[in-house]
Amino acid sequence: MPYYIYKIGPLNILSKQGQAESFKEAKAVANELRKQLDPKAGQAIKMIFAENELAAEDTLSQPREPDPSLAGDDY
């Protein structure tokens, strides 16, 4: 299964930036793309390991549940 690299823009719009067969290759591509992003643009680069492009986009589109261990005023 390949790694897919996406740019996530405002309103969670996904734009595929590439794919790689190894984690090391995908991480290098993602880090290079992150260096090119404007921090004020509200965009992010994410890489995901998935069976196919449709599964990758579906997973990235799902809202994530907050980690209950991080909630609260324990800091």
N, C-alpha and C. Protein backbone atom coordinates (compact mmCIF):
# COMPACT_ATOMS: atom_id res chain seq x y z
N MET A 1 0.84 -1.18 0.00
CA MET A 1 0.00 0.00 0.00
C MET A 1 0.89 1.25 0.00
N PRO A 2 0.52 2.23 -0.78
CA PRO A 2 1.33 3.44 -0.85
C PRO A 2 0.95 4.48 0.21
N TYR A 3 1.81 5.44 0.35
CA TYR A 3 1.56 6.62 1.18
C TYR A 3 1.10 7.73 0.25
N TYR A 4 0.04 8.42 0.62
CA TYR A 4 -0.48 9.53 -0.16
C TYR A 4 -0.18 10.82 0.56
N ILE A 5 0.16 11.85 -0.19
CA ILE A 5 0.49 13.15 0.38
C ILE A 5 -0.53 14.16 -0.13
N TYR A 6 -1.17 14.86 0.83
CA TYR A 6 -2.23 15.82 0.49
C TYR A 6 -1.95 17.18 1.11
N LYS A 7 -2.39 18.19 0.39
CA LYS A 7 -2.45 19.54 0.95
C LYS A 7 -3.89 19.75 1.37
N ILE A 8 -4.08 20.16 2.62
CA ILE A 8 -5.41 20.43 3.14
C ILE A 8 -5.55 21.93 3.28
N GLY A 9 -6.47 22.49 2.53
CA GLY A 9 -6.66 23.93 2.51
C GLY A 9 -7.84 24.38 3.35
N PRO A 10 -8.17 25.64 3.23
CA PRO A 10 -9.35 26.15 3.94
C PRO A 10 -10.59 25.33 3.57
N LEU A 11 -11.49 25.20 4.50
CA LEU A 11 -12.72 24.42 4.34
C LEU A 11 -12.42 22.93 4.11
N ASN A 12 -11.24 22.48 4.54
CA ASN A 12 -10.81 21.07 4.42
C ASN A 12 -10.84 20.55 2.99
N ILE A 13 -10.46 21.39 2.04
CA ILE A 13 -10.38 20.97 0.65
C ILE A 13 -9.06 20.22 0.46
N LEU A 14 -9.16 18.98 -0.04
CA LEU A 14 -7.99 18.14 -0.23
C LEU A 14 -7.45 18.29 -1.64
N SER A 15 -6.13 18.38 -1.73
CA SER A 15 -5.46 18.46 -3.02
C SER A 15 -4.27 17.50 -2.99
N LYS A 16 -4.35 16.43 -3.79
CA LYS A 16 -3.28 15.43 -3.79
C LYS A 16 -2.00 16.03 -4.33
N GLN A 17 -0.91 15.84 -3.58
CA GLN A 17 0.38 16.37 -3.97
C GLN A 17 1.32 15.29 -4.48
N GLY A 18 1.01 14.04 -4.18
CA GLY A 18 1.85 12.95 -4.66
C GLY A 18 1.61 11.69 -3.87
N GLN A 19 2.41 10.67 -4.20
CA GLN A 19 2.35 9.42 -3.46
C GLN A 19 3.72 8.79 -3.51
N ALA A 20 3.99 7.90 -2.53
CA ALA A 20 5.28 7.24 -2.44
C ALA A 20 5.07 5.82 -1.94
N GLU A 21 5.99 4.96 -2.25
CA GLU A 21 5.87 3.56 -1.85
C GLU A 21 6.48 3.30 -0.48
N SER A 22 7.38 4.18 -0.01
CA SER A 22 8.00 3.96 1.30
C SER A 22 7.74 5.15 2.22
N PHE A 23 7.76 4.87 3.53
CA PHE A 23 7.55 5.93 4.52
C PHE A 23 8.64 7.00 4.40
N LYS A 24 9.87 6.56 4.25
CA LYS A 24 11.00 7.50 4.18
C LYS A 24 10.86 8.46 3.00
N GLU A 25 10.48 7.94 1.86
CA GLU A 25 10.29 8.77 0.67
C GLU A 25 9.12 9.74 0.86
N ALA A 26 8.00 9.25 1.41
CA ALA A 26 6.82 10.08 1.63
C ALA A 26 7.12 11.19 2.63
N LYS A 27 7.85 10.87 3.68
CA LYS A 27 8.20 11.86 4.70
C LYS A 27 9.08 12.96 4.11
N ALA A 28 10.02 12.59 3.26
CA ALA A 28 10.90 13.58 2.63
C ALA A 28 10.09 14.53 1.75
N VAL A 29 9.16 13.98 0.97
CA VAL A 29 8.32 14.80 0.09
C VAL A 29 7.43 15.72 0.93
N ALA A 30 6.82 15.18 1.99
CA ALA A 30 5.93 15.97 2.84
C ALA A 30 6.70 17.10 3.52
N ASN A 31 7.89 16.82 4.02
CA ASN A 31 8.69 17.86 4.68
C ASN A 31 9.09 18.96 3.71
N GLU A 32 9.41 18.59 2.49
CA GLU A 32 9.78 19.59 1.48
C GLU A 32 8.58 20.48 1.14
N LEU A 33 7.41 19.88 1.02
CA LEU A 33 6.18 20.65 0.74
C LEU A 33 5.84 21.56 1.92
N ARG A 34 6.06 21.10 3.14
CA ARG A 34 5.78 21.93 4.32
C ARG A 34 6.67 23.16 4.36
N LYS A 35 7.90 23.03 3.90
CA LYS A 35 8.82 24.17 3.87
C LYS A 35 8.33 25.26 2.92
N GLN A 36 7.60 24.86 1.89
CA GLN A 36 7.13 25.80 0.88
C GLN A 36 5.82 26.48 1.26
N LEU A 37 5.14 26.01 2.31
CA LEU A 37 3.86 26.58 2.70
C LEU A 37 4.03 27.92 3.40
N ASP A 38 3.08 28.81 3.15
CA ASP A 38 3.02 30.07 3.88
C ASP A 38 2.28 29.78 5.19
N PRO A 39 2.90 30.05 6.35
CA PRO A 39 2.26 29.72 7.62
C PRO A 39 0.94 30.45 7.85
N LYS A 40 0.72 31.56 7.19
CA LYS A 40 -0.50 32.34 7.38
C LYS A 40 -1.62 31.93 6.42
N ALA A 41 -1.35 30.97 5.53
CA ALA A 41 -2.31 30.59 4.50
C ALA A 41 -3.40 29.65 5.01
N GLY A 42 -3.21 29.06 6.17
CA GLY A 42 -4.23 28.15 6.69
C GLY A 42 -4.24 26.81 5.99
N GLN A 43 -3.08 26.36 5.51
CA GLN A 43 -2.98 25.09 4.82
C GLN A 43 -2.06 24.15 5.62
N ALA A 44 -2.21 22.87 5.37
CA ALA A 44 -1.37 21.87 6.02
C ALA A 44 -1.05 20.76 5.02
N ILE A 45 0.06 20.09 5.25
CA ILE A 45 0.45 18.94 4.45
C ILE A 45 0.31 17.71 5.33
N LYS A 46 -0.40 16.71 4.84
CA LYS A 46 -0.59 15.46 5.58
C LYS A 46 -0.23 14.29 4.68
N MET A 47 0.36 13.27 5.27
CA MET A 47 0.59 12.04 4.52
C MET A 47 -0.16 10.92 5.22
N ILE A 48 -0.67 9.98 4.44
CA ILE A 48 -1.50 8.92 4.99
C ILE A 48 -1.22 7.62 4.24
N PHE A 49 -1.20 6.54 5.00
CA PHE A 49 -1.00 5.20 4.47
C PHE A 49 -2.38 4.61 4.21
N ALA A 50 -2.69 4.30 2.95
CA ALA A 50 -4.03 3.81 2.63
C ALA A 50 -3.98 2.85 1.45
N GLU A 51 -5.05 2.06 1.33
CA GLU A 51 -5.17 1.10 0.24
C GLU A 51 -5.23 1.77 -1.12
N ASN A 52 -6.00 2.86 -1.19
CA ASN A 52 -6.13 3.58 -2.46
C ASN A 52 -6.42 5.05 -2.16
N GLU A 53 -6.49 5.83 -3.22
CA GLU A 53 -6.70 7.28 -3.09
C GLU A 53 -8.05 7.61 -2.44
N LEU A 54 -9.07 6.87 -2.78
CA LEU A 54 -10.40 7.10 -2.22
C LEU A 54 -10.39 6.87 -0.70
N ALA A 55 -9.76 5.80 -0.25
CA ALA A 55 -9.67 5.51 1.19
C ALA A 55 -8.87 6.59 1.91
N ALA A 56 -7.82 7.08 1.28
CA ALA A 56 -7.00 8.14 1.88
C ALA A 56 -7.82 9.41 2.06
N GLU A 57 -8.55 9.81 1.03
CA GLU A 57 -9.36 11.02 1.11
C GLU A 57 -10.49 10.87 2.11
N ASP A 58 -11.09 9.68 2.18
CA ASP A 58 -12.16 9.44 3.14
C ASP A 58 -11.63 9.57 4.57
N THR A 59 -10.49 8.97 4.85
CA THR A 59 -9.91 9.04 6.19
C THR A 59 -9.54 10.47 6.57
N LEU A 60 -8.94 11.21 5.64
CA LEU A 60 -8.56 12.59 5.94
C LEU A 60 -9.77 13.50 6.11
N SER A 61 -10.90 13.13 5.55
CA SER A 61 -12.10 13.95 5.65
C SER A 61 -12.89 13.72 6.94
N GLN A 62 -12.60 12.62 7.62
CA GLN A 62 -13.33 12.30 8.85
C GLN A 62 -12.86 13.20 10.00
N PRO A 63 -13.80 13.72 10.80
CA PRO A 63 -13.38 14.50 11.98
C PRO A 63 -12.77 13.56 13.01
N ARG A 64 -11.72 14.02 13.67
CA ARG A 64 -11.04 13.20 14.66
C ARG A 64 -11.59 13.49 16.05
N GLU A 65 -11.75 12.43 16.83
CA GLU A 65 -12.20 12.55 18.21
C GLU A 65 -11.03 13.05 19.05
N PRO A 66 -11.28 14.00 19.96
CA PRO A 66 -10.19 14.46 20.83
C PRO A 66 -9.77 13.35 21.78
N ASP A 67 -8.48 13.33 22.10
CA ASP A 67 -7.93 12.33 23.02
C ASP A 67 -8.39 12.67 24.43
N PRO A 68 -9.16 11.80 25.07
CA PRO A 68 -9.69 12.12 26.41
C PRO A 68 -8.58 12.32 27.46
N SER A 69 -7.43 11.74 27.24
CA SER A 69 -6.35 11.92 28.20
C SER A 69 -5.77 13.33 28.16
N LEU A 70 -6.04 14.06 27.09
CA LEU A 70 -5.51 15.43 26.97
C LEU A 70 -6.51 16.48 27.40
N ALA A 71 -7.73 16.09 27.70
CA ALA A 71 -8.78 17.04 28.10
C ALA A 71 -8.66 17.35 29.59
N GLY A 72 -9.07 18.55 29.95
CA GLY A 72 -9.08 18.92 31.37
C GLY A 72 -8.08 20.00 31.71
N ASP A 73 -8.08 20.36 32.97
CA ASP A 73 -7.23 21.45 33.45
C ASP A 73 -6.08 20.90 34.28
N ASP A 74 -5.40 19.92 33.80
CA ASP A 74 -4.34 19.33 34.60
C ASP A 74 -2.95 19.86 34.25
N TYR A 75 -2.87 21.05 33.69
CA TYR A 75 -1.55 21.62 33.38
C TYR A 75 -1.22 22.72 34.35
